[in-house]
C-alpha atoms as a PDB file:
ATOM      1  CA  MET A   1       0.000   0.000   0.000  1.00  0.00           C
ATOM      2  CA  ALA A   2       1.358   3.404  -1.008  1.00  0.00           C
ATOM      3  CA  ARG A   3       1.946   5.855   1.808  1.00  0.00           C
ATOM      4  CA  ALA A   4      -0.060   9.072   1.758  1.00  0.00           C
ATOM      5  CA  ILE A   5       2.070  12.205   1.554  1.00  0.00           C
ATOM      6  CA  SER A   6       0.779  15.297   3.305  1.00  0.00           C
ATOM      7  CA  ASN A   7       0.450  18.634   1.521  1.00  0.00           C
ATOM      8  CA  GLN A   8       3.066  20.125   3.852  1.00  0.00           C
ATOM      9  CA  ARG A   9       5.548  17.403   2.849  1.00  0.00           C
ATOM     10  CA  LYS A  10       4.820  18.000  -0.841  1.00  0.00           C
ATOM     11  CA  THR A  11       5.337  21.737  -0.399  1.00  0.00           C
ATOM     12  CA  LEU A  12       8.609  21.176   1.470  1.00  0.00           C
ATOM     13  CA  ASN A  13       9.879  18.759  -1.174  1.00  0.00           C
ATOM     14  CA  THR A  14       8.969  21.230  -3.909  1.00  0.00           C
ATOM     15  CA  LEU A  15      10.781  24.089  -2.175  1.00  0.00           C
ATOM     16  CA  VAL A  16      13.877  21.959  -1.607  1.00  0.00           C
ATOM     17  CA  ALA A  17      13.879  20.816  -5.247  1.00  0.00           C
ATOM     18  CA  TRP A  18      13.502  24.384  -6.549  1.00  0.00           C
ATOM     19  CA  SER A  19      16.249  25.588  -4.182  1.00  0.00           C
ATOM     20  CA  ILE A  20      18.684  22.917  -5.365  1.00  0.00           C
ATOM     21  CA  GLY A  21      17.759  23.641  -8.982  1.00  0.00           C
ATOM     22  CA  PHE A  22      18.359  27.369  -8.504  1.00  0.00           C
ATOM     23  CA  VAL A  23      21.756  26.786  -6.895  1.00  0.00           C
ATOM     24  CA  ILE A  24      22.793  24.557  -9.816  1.00  0.00           C
ATOM     25  CA  PHE A  25      21.477  26.997 -12.441  1.00  0.00           C
ATOM     26  CA  PHE A  26      22.754  30.185 -10.756  1.00  0.00           C
ATOM     27  CA  PRO A  27      26.228  30.208 -12.417  1.00  0.00           C
ATOM     28  CA  ILE A  28      24.551  30.035 -15.835  1.00  0.00           C
ATOM     29  CA  LEU A  29      22.101  32.773 -14.844  1.00  0.00           C
ATOM     30  CA  TRP A  30      24.951  34.968 -13.582  1.00  0.00           C
ATOM     31  CA  THR A  31      26.875  34.443 -16.832  1.00  0.00           C
ATOM     32  CA  ILE A  32      23.840  35.475 -18.892  1.00  0.00           C
ATOM     33  CA  LEU A  33      23.252  38.574 -16.742  1.00  0.00           C
ATOM     34  CA  THR A  34      26.926  39.566 -16.890  1.00  0.00           C
ATOM     35  CA  SER A  35      26.824  39.424 -20.687  1.00  0.00           C
ATOM     36  CA  PHE A  36      24.439  42.416 -20.637  1.00  0.00           C
ATOM     37  CA  LYS A  37      26.684  44.549 -18.402  1.00  0.00           C
ATOM     38  CA  THR A  38      29.528  46.888 -19.219  1.00  0.00           C
ATOM     39  CA  GLU A  39      33.028  45.788 -18.251  1.00  0.00           C
ATOM     40  CA  ALA A  40      32.969  48.180 -15.300  1.00  0.00           C
ATOM     41  CA  GLN A  41      29.623  46.826 -14.080  1.00  0.00           C
ATOM     42  CA  ALA A  42      30.844  43.241 -14.503  1.00  0.00           C
ATOM     43  CA  ILE A  43      33.554  43.753 -11.854  1.00  0.00           C
ATOM     44  CA  ASN A  44      31.544  46.092  -9.647  1.00  0.00           C
ATOM     45  CA  ASP A  45      31.841  45.558  -5.874  1.00  0.00           C
ATOM     46  CA  PRO A  46      29.288  44.767  -4.530  1.00  0.00           C
ATOM     47  CA  PRO A  47      28.078  42.767  -7.540  1.00  0.00           C
ATOM     48  CA  LEU A  48      25.119  44.083  -9.513  1.00  0.00           C
ATOM     49  CA  PHE A  49      22.375  41.484  -9.981  1.00  0.00           C
ATOM     50  CA  LEU A  50      19.429  43.021 -11.877  1.00  0.00           C
ATOM     51  CA  PHE A  51      19.710  46.770 -11.390  1.00  0.00           C
ATOM     52  CA  PHE A  52      22.272  47.872 -13.961  1.00  0.00           C
ATOM     53  CA  ASP A  53      22.354  49.511 -17.388  1.00  0.00           C
ATOM     54  CA  TRP A  54      21.489  46.671 -19.752  1.00  0.00           C
ATOM     55  CA  THR A  55      23.444  46.749 -23.017  1.00  0.00           C
ATOM     56  CA  LEU A  56      23.957  44.584 -26.124  1.00  0.00           C
ATOM     57  CA  GLU A  57      27.379  46.085 -26.790  1.00  0.00           C
ATOM     58  CA  ASN A  58      29.237  42.922 -25.768  1.00  0.00           C
ATOM     59  CA  TYR A  59      27.323  40.780 -28.258  1.00  0.00           C
ATOM     60  CA  ALA A  60      28.017  43.293 -31.037  1.00  0.00           C
ATOM     61  CA  ILE A  61      31.751  43.296 -30.239  1.00  0.00           C
ATOM     62  CA  VAL A  62      31.872  39.498 -30.107  1.00  0.00           C
ATOM     63  CA  GLN A  63      30.119  39.276 -33.484  1.00  0.00           C
ATOM     64  CA  GLU A  64      32.556  41.765 -35.019  1.00  0.00           C
ATOM     65  CA  ARG A  65      35.623  40.072 -33.551  1.00  0.00           C
ATOM     66  CA  SER A  66      34.756  36.417 -34.209  1.00  0.00           C
ATOM     67  CA  ASN A  67      33.047  34.333 -36.878  1.00  0.00           C
ATOM     68  CA  TYR A  68      30.471  32.826 -34.535  1.00  0.00           C
ATOM     69  CA  MET A  69      28.672  30.819 -37.230  1.00  0.00           C
ATOM     70  CA  ARG A  70      31.857  28.984 -38.192  1.00  0.00           C
ATOM     71  CA  PHE A  71      32.462  27.943 -34.576  1.00  0.00           C
ATOM     72  CA  LEU A  72      28.795  26.971 -34.232  1.00  0.00           C
ATOM     73  CA  TRP A  73      28.864  24.812 -37.356  1.00  0.00           C
ATOM     74  CA  ASN A  74      32.031  23.074 -36.166  1.00  0.00           C
ATOM     75  CA  SER A  75      30.383  22.297 -32.798  1.00  0.00           C
ATOM     76  CA  ILE A  76      27.261  20.926 -34.504  1.00  0.00           C
ATOM     77  CA  PHE A  77      29.341  18.814 -36.893  1.00  0.00           C
ATOM     78  CA  LEU A  78      31.571  17.416 -34.133  1.00  0.00           C
ATOM     79  CA  ALA A  79      28.804  16.767 -31.583  1.00  0.00           C
ATOM     80  CA  CYS A  80      26.305  15.205 -33.989  1.00  0.00           C
ATOM     81  CA  GLY A  81      28.888  13.412 -36.139  1.00  0.00           C
ATOM     82  CA  SER A  82      30.717  11.804 -33.213  1.00  0.00           C
ATOM     83  CA  THR A  83      27.429  10.741 -31.610  1.00  0.00           C
ATOM     84  CA  ILE A  84      26.012   9.199 -34.790  1.00  0.00           C
ATOM     85  CA  LEU A  85      29.261   7.341 -35.470  1.00  0.00           C
ATOM     86  CA  GLY A  86      29.316   6.152 -31.856  1.00  0.00           C
ATOM     87  CA  ILE A  87      25.721   4.880 -32.061  1.00  0.00           C
ATOM     88  CA  ILE A  88      26.490   2.953 -35.269  1.00  0.00           C
ATOM     89  CA  ILE A  89      29.352   1.161 -33.510  1.00  0.00           C
ATOM     90  CA  ALA A  90      27.743   0.849 -30.069  1.00  0.00           C
ATOM     91  CA  VAL A  91      24.372  -0.678 -31.055  1.00  0.00           C
ATOM     92  CA  PRO A  92      25.853  -3.966 -32.388  1.00  0.00           C
ATOM     93  CA  ALA A  93      28.400  -4.024 -29.536  1.00  0.00           C
ATOM     94  CA  ALA A  94      25.728  -3.543 -26.858  1.00  0.00           C
ATOM     95  CA  TRP A  95      23.474  -6.103 -28.581  1.00  0.00           C
ATOM     96  CA  SER A  96      26.197  -8.766 -28.511  1.00  0.00           C
ATOM     97  CA  MET A  97      26.909  -8.134 -24.818  1.00  0.00           C
ATOM     98  CA  ALA A  98      23.235  -8.101 -23.839  1.00  0.00           C
ATOM     99  CA  PHE A  99      21.985 -11.113 -25.825  1.00  0.00           C
ATOM    100  CA  VAL A 100      25.030 -13.308 -26.506  1.00  0.00           C
ATOM    101  CA  PRO A 101      26.031 -14.888 -23.164  1.00  0.00           C
ATOM    102  CA  SER A 102      29.702 -14.642 -22.247  1.00  0.00           C
ATOM    103  CA  ARG A 103      31.648 -14.928 -19.012  1.00  0.00           C
ATOM    104  CA  ARG A 104      33.809 -12.020 -20.168  1.00  0.00           C
ATOM    105  CA  THR A 105      31.017  -9.495 -20.714  1.00  0.00           C
ATOM    106  CA  LYS A 106      31.360  -7.801 -17.325  1.00  0.00           C
ATOM    107  CA  ASP A 107      35.150  -7.764 -17.637  1.00  0.00           C
ATOM    108  CA  ILE A 108      34.920  -6.101 -21.048  1.00  0.00           C
ATOM    109  CA  LEU A 109      32.446  -3.518 -19.767  1.00  0.00           C
ATOM    110  CA  MET A 110      34.676  -2.712 -16.799  1.00  0.00           C
ATOM    111  CA  TRP A 111      37.705  -2.458 -19.064  1.00  0.00           C
ATOM    112  CA  MET A 112      35.888   0.007 -21.320  1.00  0.00           C
ATOM    113  CA  LEU A 113      34.769   2.025 -18.308  1.00  0.00           C
ATOM    114  CA  SER A 114      38.328   2.069 -16.956  1.00  0.00           C
ATOM    115  CA  THR A 115      39.455   3.979 -20.053  1.00  0.00           C
ATOM    116  CA  LYS A 116      37.371   6.931 -18.790  1.00  0.00           C
ATOM    117  CA  MET A 117      39.365   6.931 -15.547  1.00  0.00           C
ATOM    118  CA  LEU A 118      42.633   7.760 -17.309  1.00  0.00           C
ATOM    119  CA  PRO A 119      43.449  11.503 -17.288  1.00  0.00           C
ATOM    120  CA  ALA A 120      43.169  12.801 -20.828  1.00  0.00           C
ATOM    121  CA  VAL A 121      46.523  14.571 -20.589  1.00  0.00           C
ATOM    122  CA  GLY A 122      48.149  11.161 -20.112  1.00  0.00           C
ATOM    123  CA  VAL A 123      47.497  10.222 -23.742  1.00  0.00           C
ATOM    124  CA  LEU A 124      47.681  13.711 -25.267  1.00  0.00           C
ATOM    125  CA  TYR A 125      51.266  13.412 -26.497  1.00  0.00           C
ATOM    126  CA  PRO A 126      50.925  10.191 -28.569  1.00  0.00           C
ATOM    127  CA  ILE A 127      47.567  11.294 -30.001  1.00  0.00           C
ATOM    128  CA  TYR A 128      48.942  14.739 -30.849  1.00  0.00           C
ATOM    129  CA  ILE A 129      51.998  13.225 -32.571  1.00  0.00           C
ATOM    130  CA  GLY A 130      49.727  10.822 -34.438  1.00  0.00           C
ATOM    131  CA  PHE A 131      47.545  13.688 -35.627  1.00  0.00           C
ATOM    132  CA  VAL A 132      50.610  15.596 -36.849  1.00  0.00           C
ATOM    133  CA  LYS A 133      51.981  12.554 -38.711  1.00  0.00           C
ATOM    134  CA  LEU A 134      48.599  11.794 -40.325  1.00  0.00           C
ATOM    135  CA  GLY A 135      47.868  15.404 -41.188  1.00  0.00           C
ATOM    136  CA  LEU A 136      44.733  15.430 -39.014  1.00  0.00           C
ATOM    137  CA  LEU A 137      45.688  18.383 -36.825  1.00  0.00           C
ATOM    138  CA  ASP A 138      42.963  21.052 -36.989  1.00  0.00           C
ATOM    139  CA  ASN A 139      40.801  18.616 -38.976  1.00  0.00           C
ATOM    140  CA  ARG A 140      37.119  18.144 -38.130  1.00  0.00           C
ATOM    141  CA  PHE A 141      36.981  14.490 -39.147  1.00  0.00           C
ATOM    142  CA  GLY A 142      40.002  13.585 -37.022  1.00  0.00           C
ATOM    143  CA  LEU A 143      38.606  15.406 -33.998  1.00  0.00           C
ATOM    144  CA  MET A 144      35.200  13.782 -34.566  1.00  0.00           C
ATOM    145  CA  ILE A 145      36.806  10.336 -34.304  1.00  0.00           C
ATOM    146  CA  VAL A 146      38.586  11.293 -31.064  1.00  0.00           C
ATOM    147  CA  LEU A 147      35.352  12.601 -29.519  1.00  0.00           C
ATOM    148  CA  MET A 148      33.555   9.437 -30.585  1.00  0.00           C
ATOM    149  CA  LEU A 149      36.209   7.215 -29.012  1.00  0.00           C
ATOM    150  CA  ILE A 150      36.290   9.049 -25.664  1.00  0.00           C
ATOM    151  CA  ASN A 151      32.485   8.828 -25.350  1.00  0.00           C
ATOM    152  CA  LEU A 152      32.081   5.328 -26.820  1.00  0.00           C
ATOM    153  CA  PRO A 153      32.339   3.526 -23.424  1.00  0.00           C
ATOM    154  CA  ILE A 154      29.454   5.634 -22.069  1.00  0.00           C
ATOM    155  CA  ILE A 155      27.345   4.979 -25.177  1.00  0.00           C
ATOM    156  CA  ILE A 156      27.903   1.219 -24.980  1.00  0.00           C
ATOM    157  CA  TRP A 157      27.246   1.110 -21.230  1.00  0.00           C
ATOM    158  CA  MET A 158      23.971   3.023 -21.560  1.00  0.00           C
ATOM    159  CA  LEU A 159      22.736   0.988 -24.538  1.00  0.00           C
ATOM    160  CA  TYR A 160      23.719  -2.263 -22.834  1.00  0.00           C
ATOM    161  CA  THR A 161      21.602  -1.274 -19.812  1.00  0.00           C
ATOM    162  CA  TYR A 162      18.601  -0.471 -22.002  1.00  0.00           C
ATOM    163  CA  PHE A 163      18.953  -3.606 -24.142  1.00  0.00           C
ATOM    164  CA  LYS A 164      19.038  -5.832 -21.042  1.00  0.00           C
ATOM    165  CA  GLU A 165      15.506  -4.626 -20.237  1.00  0.00           C
ATOM    166  CA  ILE A 166      14.176  -6.004 -23.550  1.00  0.00           C
ATOM    167  CA  PRO A 167      12.948  -9.637 -23.350  1.00  0.00           C
ATOM    168  CA  GLY A 168      15.222 -11.906 -25.355  1.00  0.00           C
ATOM    169  CA  GLU A 169      12.204 -14.029 -26.352  1.00  0.00           C
ATOM    170  CA  ILE A 170      11.083 -11.271 -28.726  1.00  0.00           C
ATOM    171  CA  LEU A 171      14.363 -11.457 -30.630  1.00  0.00           C
ATOM    172  CA  GLU A 172      14.170 -15.267 -30.677  1.00  0.00           C
ATOM    173  CA  ALA A 173      10.686 -15.035 -32.186  1.00  0.00           C
ATOM    174  CA  ALA A 174      12.045 -12.720 -34.890  1.00  0.00           C
ATOM    175  CA  ARG A 175      14.771 -15.243 -35.704  1.00  0.00           C
ATOM    176  CA  MET A 176      12.203 -18.036 -35.943  1.00  0.00           C
ATOM    177  CA  ASP A 177      10.258 -15.902 -38.426  1.00  0.00           C
ATOM    178  CA  GLY A 178      13.358 -15.733 -40.598  1.00  0.00           C
ATOM    179  CA  ALA A 179      14.831 -12.355 -39.616  1.00  0.00           C
ATOM    180  CA  SER A 180      18.506 -11.984 -40.340  1.00  0.00           C
ATOM    181  CA  LEU A 181      20.907 -10.580 -37.756  1.00  0.00           C
ATOM    182  CA  GLY A 182      20.851  -7.146 -39.388  1.00  0.00           C
ATOM    183  CA  ASN A 183      17.050  -7.082 -39.599  1.00  0.00           C
ATOM    184  CA  GLU A 184      16.789  -8.245 -35.998  1.00  0.00           C
ATOM    185  CA  ILE A 185      18.902  -5.334 -34.769  1.00  0.00           C
ATOM    186  CA  LEU A 186      17.483  -2.740 -37.167  1.00  0.00           C
ATOM    187  CA  TYR A 187      13.773  -3.571 -37.230  1.00  0.00           C
ATOM    188  CA  VAL A 188      13.122  -5.334 -33.909  1.00  0.00           C
ATOM    189  CA  LEU A 189      15.663  -4.269 -31.279  1.00  0.00           C
ATOM    190  CA  THR A 190      16.220  -0.628 -32.251  1.00  0.00           C
ATOM    191  CA  PRO A 191      12.532   0.452 -32.371  1.00  0.00           C
ATOM    192  CA  MET A 192      11.909  -1.110 -28.946  1.00  0.00           C
ATOM    193  CA  ALA A 193      14.876   0.753 -27.453  1.00  0.00           C
ATOM    194  CA  ILE A 194      14.095   4.156 -29.014  1.00  0.00           C
ATOM    195  CA  PRO A 195      13.650   5.928 -25.616  1.00  0.00           C
ATOM    196  CA  GLY A 196      16.994   4.625 -24.386  1.00  0.00           C
ATOM    197  CA  ILE A 197      18.774   5.377 -27.658  1.00  0.00           C
ATOM    198  CA  ALA A 198      17.299   8.890 -27.723  1.00  0.00           C
ATOM    199  CA  SER A 199      18.503   9.670 -24.197  1.00  0.00           C
ATOM    200  CA  THR A 200      21.940   8.256 -25.055  1.00  0.00           C
ATOM    201  CA  VAL A 201      22.121  10.438 -28.176  1.00  0.00           C
ATOM    202  CA  LEU A 202      21.097  13.574 -26.267  1.00  0.00           C
ATOM    203  CA  LEU A 203      23.528  12.954 -23.417  1.00  0.00           C
ATOM    204  CA  ASN A 204      26.460  12.318 -25.724  1.00  0.00           C
ATOM    205  CA  ILE A 205      25.699  15.342 -27.882  1.00  0.00           C
ATOM    206  CA  ILE A 206      25.938  17.405 -24.699  1.00  0.00           C
ATOM    207  CA  LEU A 207      29.214  15.708 -23.690  1.00  0.00           C
ATOM    208  CA  ALA A 208      30.759  16.258 -27.121  1.00  0.00           C
ATOM    209  CA  TRP A 209      29.467  19.844 -27.275  1.00  0.00           C
ATOM    210  CA  ASN A 210      31.108  20.681 -23.932  1.00  0.00           C
ATOM    211  CA  GLU A 211      34.403  18.883 -24.563  1.00  0.00           C
ATOM    212  CA  ALA A 212      37.206  21.419 -24.189  1.00  0.00           C
ATOM    213  CA  PHE A 213      40.485  19.582 -23.566  1.00  0.00           C
ATOM    214  CA  TRP A 214      40.757  17.817 -26.919  1.00  0.00           C
ATOM    215  CA  THR A 215      39.207  20.608 -28.954  1.00  0.00           C
ATOM    216  CA  LEU A 216      41.666  23.165 -27.579  1.00  0.00           C
ATOM    217  CA  ASN A 217      44.718  20.935 -28.109  1.00  0.00           C
ATOM    218  CA  LEU A 218      43.896  19.410 -31.503  1.00  0.00           C
ATOM    219  CA  THR A 219      42.472  22.461 -33.310  1.00  0.00           C
ATOM    220  CA  ALA A 220      43.769  25.872 -34.287  1.00  0.00           C
ATOM    221  CA  ALA A 221      41.349  27.746 -36.546  1.00  0.00           C
ATOM    222  CA  LYS A 222      39.522  25.704 -39.194  1.00  0.00           C
ATOM    223  CA  ALA A 223      38.062  22.971 -36.949  1.00  0.00           C
ATOM    224  CA  ALA A 224      37.771  24.988 -33.715  1.00  0.00           C
ATOM    225  CA  PRO A 225      34.323  24.600 -32.053  1.00  0.00           C
ATOM    226  CA  LEU A 226      32.576  26.884 -29.561  1.00  0.00           C
ATOM    227  CA  THR A 227      34.800  25.801 -26.668  1.00  0.00           C
ATOM    228  CA  ALA A 228      37.740  27.396 -28.505  1.00  0.00           C
ATOM    229  CA  PHE A 229      35.511  30.375 -29.265  1.00  0.00           C
ATOM    230  CA  ILE A 230      35.037  30.928 -25.509  1.00  0.00           C
ATOM    231  CA  ALA A 231      38.728  30.408 -24.740  1.00  0.00           C
ATOM    232  CA  SER A 232      39.697  33.084 -27.267  1.00  0.00           C
ATOM    233  CA  TYR A 233      38.267  35.715 -24.897  1.00  0.00           C
ATOM    234  CA  SER A 234      40.788  34.849 -22.189  1.00  0.00           C
ATOM    235  CA  SER A 235      43.766  36.912 -23.322  1.00  0.00           C
ATOM    236  CA  PRO A 236      47.189  37.829 -21.859  1.00  0.00           C
ATOM    237  CA  GLU A 237      45.931  41.388 -21.475  1.00  0.00           C
ATOM    238  CA  GLY A 238      43.417  40.208 -18.886  1.00  0.00           C
ATOM    239  CA  LEU A 239      39.927  38.772 -18.540  1.00  0.00           C
ATOM    240  CA  PHE A 240      37.140  40.801 -20.099  1.00  0.00           C
ATOM    241  CA  PHE A 241      34.321  39.333 -18.058  1.00  0.00           C
ATOM    242  CA  ALA A 242      31.414  40.953 -19.895  1.00  0.00           C
ATOM    243  CA  LYS A 243      32.650  39.905 -23.342  1.00  0.00           C
ATOM    244  CA  LEU A 244      33.648  36.481 -22.051  1.00  0.00           C
ATOM    245  CA  SER A 245      30.142  36.073 -20.615  1.00  0.00           C
ATOM    246  CA  ALA A 246      28.588  37.126 -23.923  1.00  0.00           C
ATOM    247  CA  ALA A 247      30.714  34.568 -25.786  1.00  0.00           C
ATOM    248  CA  SER A 248      29.818  31.890 -23.214  1.00  0.00           C
ATOM    249  CA  THR A 249      26.108  32.686 -23.491  1.00  0.00           C
ATOM    250  CA  MET A 250      26.255  32.420 -27.285  1.00  0.00           C
ATOM    251  CA  ALA A 251      28.071  29.088 -26.941  1.00  0.00           C
ATOM    252  CA  ILE A 252      25.677  27.479 -24.457  1.00  0.00           C
ATOM    253  CA  ALA A 253      22.429  28.891 -25.901  1.00  0.00           C
ATOM    254  CA  PRO A 254      21.941  26.174 -28.597  1.00  0.00           C
ATOM    255  CA  ILE A 255      22.535  23.281 -26.180  1.00  0.00           C
ATOM    256  CA  LEU A 256      20.304  24.911 -23.530  1.00  0.00           C
ATOM    257  CA  VAL A 257      17.475  25.152 -26.059  1.00  0.00           C
ATOM    258  CA  LEU A 258      18.025  21.518 -27.108  1.00  0.00           C
ATOM    259  CA  GLY A 259      17.993  20.368 -23.485  1.00  0.00           C
ATOM    260  CA  TRP A 260      14.861  22.369 -22.702  1.00  0.00           C
ATOM    261  CA  PHE A 261      12.822  20.930 -25.572  1.00  0.00           C
ATOM    262  CA  SER A 262      14.123  17.362 -25.117  1.00  0.00           C
ATOM    263  CA  GLN A 263      13.965  17.125 -21.323  1.00  0.00           C
ATOM    264  CA  LYS A 264      10.873  14.876 -21.340  1.00  0.00           C
ATOM    265  CA  GLN A 265      12.492  12.493 -23.796  1.00  0.00           C
ATOM    266  CA  LEU A 266      15.718  12.534 -21.785  1.00  0.00           C
ATOM    267  CA  VAL A 267      13.950  11.717 -18.512  1.00  0.00           C
ATOM    268  CA  ARG A 268      11.873   9.032 -20.211  1.00  0.00           C
ATOM    269  CA  GLY A 269      14.983   7.421 -21.633  1.00  0.00           C
ATOM    270  CA  LEU A 270      16.949   7.575 -18.381  1.00  0.00           C
ATOM    271  CA  THR A 271      14.067   5.870 -16.531  1.00  0.00           C
ATOM    272  CA  PHE A 272      13.469   3.344 -19.325  1.00  0.00           C
ATOM    273  CA  GLY A 273      12.901  -0.054 -17.749  1.00  0.00           C
ATOM    274  CA  ALA A 274      12.925   1.278 -14.199  1.00  0.00           C
ATOM    275  CA  VAL A 275       9.321   0.181 -13.567  1.00  0.00           C
ATOM    276  CA  LYS A 276       8.245  -3.318 -14.461  1.00  0.00           C
END
């Protein structure tokens, strides 16, 4: 029997949830507000929250100084391209681990996860040298492969979890009806796991979009995404907080909009299979 929850408890839980949410979102809110201040107002003491002279000057200067659309296109290409390539590789891999019994499955999964525990700087030198030798430095396709590889363990782990919730008897029935291995994965397994695949795609687009270490070290100008666009406003002359905030706001705006409109799908996918 479900326990009844009093209105006071619901109100308290709501207030606590909103408070935690506000604390988490406050740095983003402060960045957005700072982008509409002058440089003097941005470093004012005490800080100015809402009562200041709002201006769009910083956005105009950022647009004049940088080719925002080129950085934006590079971010879209890298985030979407690396995620799609990762899904193409991860779906068959997760299928084999979920539905083909093996004593080594858990060991393989743990080994893949362990690759995420290695500091990225530990493998920077050999990858950088390899990029130079292969002519992939400042190349979008080379960087897309690197982003796919660093996020591939997460993609496989998430898809494996979702696939394990799908009854194997359904796939066996498809085989008995004459479905080939490709048709089984493409037309039976994939449609049933759409919520989980969608949440995996969204999460990994966000991870690739926010990746800074590899994008800053393996790009210069042509393939630089929005993370490099933000870093360009940290100069030896000093930090221009208002302009840096404007650049940051322009960089996070697309992914914020994507997250806002896809939040229901993301939550649905993350809770896929949680209730029997």
